[in-house]
Amino acid sequence: MVEHIVDASEPRGRVEIQVGAGHRRRWSNEVKGRIVAESYAPGAVVSEVARRHCISPQHLFVWRKAARAGMLSLPADGTPCSFRW
């Protein structure tokens, strides 16, 4: 027995397709450092910090690893990043 039938005659929502090369954002080391510092704040959740800045948690973990390896410096004052996309 079919309980749900889709009516294909009704218009659907708009779908946007982007063609061509996507634009990559360029993050300065200062901004990266502030975002990483924010992720190390007491009570911070990495996925929430990443979501706030429109990056994947995996991306933020790579930046955190770079900071631990000394390849990315964190701000001395510890102020969180207020920059958001």
Protein backbone atom coordinates (compact mmCIF):
# COMPACT_ATOMS: atom_id res chain seq x y z
CA MET A 1 0.00 0.00 0.00
CA VAL A 2 1.37 3.41 -0.97
CA GLU A 3 1.02 5.93 1.81
CA HIS A 4 2.83 8.85 0.23
CA ILE A 5 2.72 9.85 -3.42
CA VAL A 6 4.79 12.74 -4.69
CA ASP A 7 2.93 15.15 -6.96
CA ALA A 8 5.46 16.03 -9.66
CA SER A 9 3.14 18.58 -11.28
CA GLU A 10 3.71 21.15 -8.51
CA PRO A 11 6.68 23.51 -8.84
CA ARG A 12 9.71 22.66 -6.74
CA GLY A 13 11.96 24.98 -4.75
CA ARG A 14 14.77 26.80 -6.48
CA VAL A 15 18.06 24.96 -6.95
CA GLU A 16 21.22 26.92 -7.59
CA ILE A 17 24.12 25.22 -9.37
CA GLN A 18 27.53 26.87 -9.35
CA VAL A 19 29.74 26.11 -12.31
CA GLY A 20 33.47 26.72 -12.52
CA ALA A 21 36.22 27.03 -10.00
CA GLY A 22 35.11 27.87 -6.50
CA HIS A 23 36.61 30.76 -4.58
CA ARG A 24 38.90 29.75 -1.76
CA ARG A 25 39.08 31.98 1.23
CA ARG A 26 42.50 33.11 2.31
CA TRP A 27 42.97 33.31 6.05
CA SER A 28 45.75 35.46 7.42
CA ASN A 29 47.95 33.87 10.08
CA GLU A 30 46.64 36.43 12.57
CA VAL A 31 43.02 35.41 11.97
CA LYS A 32 43.93 31.70 12.07
CA GLY A 33 45.73 32.24 15.37
CA ARG A 34 42.75 34.04 16.90
CA ILE A 35 40.34 31.31 15.78
CA VAL A 36 42.65 28.62 17.20
CA ALA A 37 42.96 30.57 20.46
CA GLU A 38 39.16 30.76 20.64
CA SER A 39 38.98 26.98 20.22
CA TYR A 40 41.32 26.53 23.22
CA ALA A 41 39.24 28.76 25.52
CA PRO A 42 37.80 27.01 28.59
CA GLY A 43 34.50 25.35 27.68
CA ALA A 44 34.94 25.89 23.94
CA VAL A 45 33.79 23.15 21.57
CA VAL A 46 35.87 22.89 18.40
CA SER A 47 32.93 22.10 16.12
CA GLU A 48 30.99 25.12 17.44
CA VAL A 49 33.96 27.45 16.95
CA ALA A 50 34.47 26.08 13.43
CA ARG A 51 30.78 26.49 12.58
CA ARG A 52 30.84 30.11 13.80
CA HIS A 53 33.66 30.86 11.38
CA CYS A 54 32.24 28.78 8.48
CA ILE A 55 35.06 26.25 8.37
CA SER A 56 35.02 22.52 8.93
CA PRO A 57 36.13 21.13 12.29
CA GLN A 58 38.82 19.16 10.44
CA HIS A 59 40.21 22.42 9.04
CA LEU A 60 40.38 23.88 12.55
CA PHE A 61 42.10 20.74 13.87
CA VAL A 62 44.79 21.18 11.18
CA TRP A 63 45.34 24.77 12.33
CA ARG A 64 45.50 23.63 15.97
CA LYS A 65 48.12 21.02 15.03
CA ALA A 66 50.13 23.70 13.22
CA ALA A 67 49.97 25.89 16.34
CA ARG A 68 51.22 23.03 18.53
CA ALA A 69 54.09 22.45 16.08
CA GLY A 70 55.03 26.14 16.30
CA MET A 71 54.07 26.89 12.69
CA LEU A 72 51.19 29.18 13.71
CA SER A 73 51.36 31.67 16.55
CA LEU A 74 48.46 32.46 18.83
CA PRO A 75 47.71 36.03 19.92
CA ALA A 76 49.53 37.03 23.10
CA ASP A 77 46.50 38.77 24.59
CA GLY A 78 44.23 35.74 24.16
CA THR A 79 41.38 37.76 22.67
CA PRO A 80 39.00 35.61 20.65
CA CYS A 81 38.48 36.29 16.98
CA SER A 82 35.47 38.48 16.22
CA PHE A 83 35.83 38.00 12.46
CA ARG A 84 33.01 35.90 10.98
CA TRP A 85 31.91 35.19 7.43
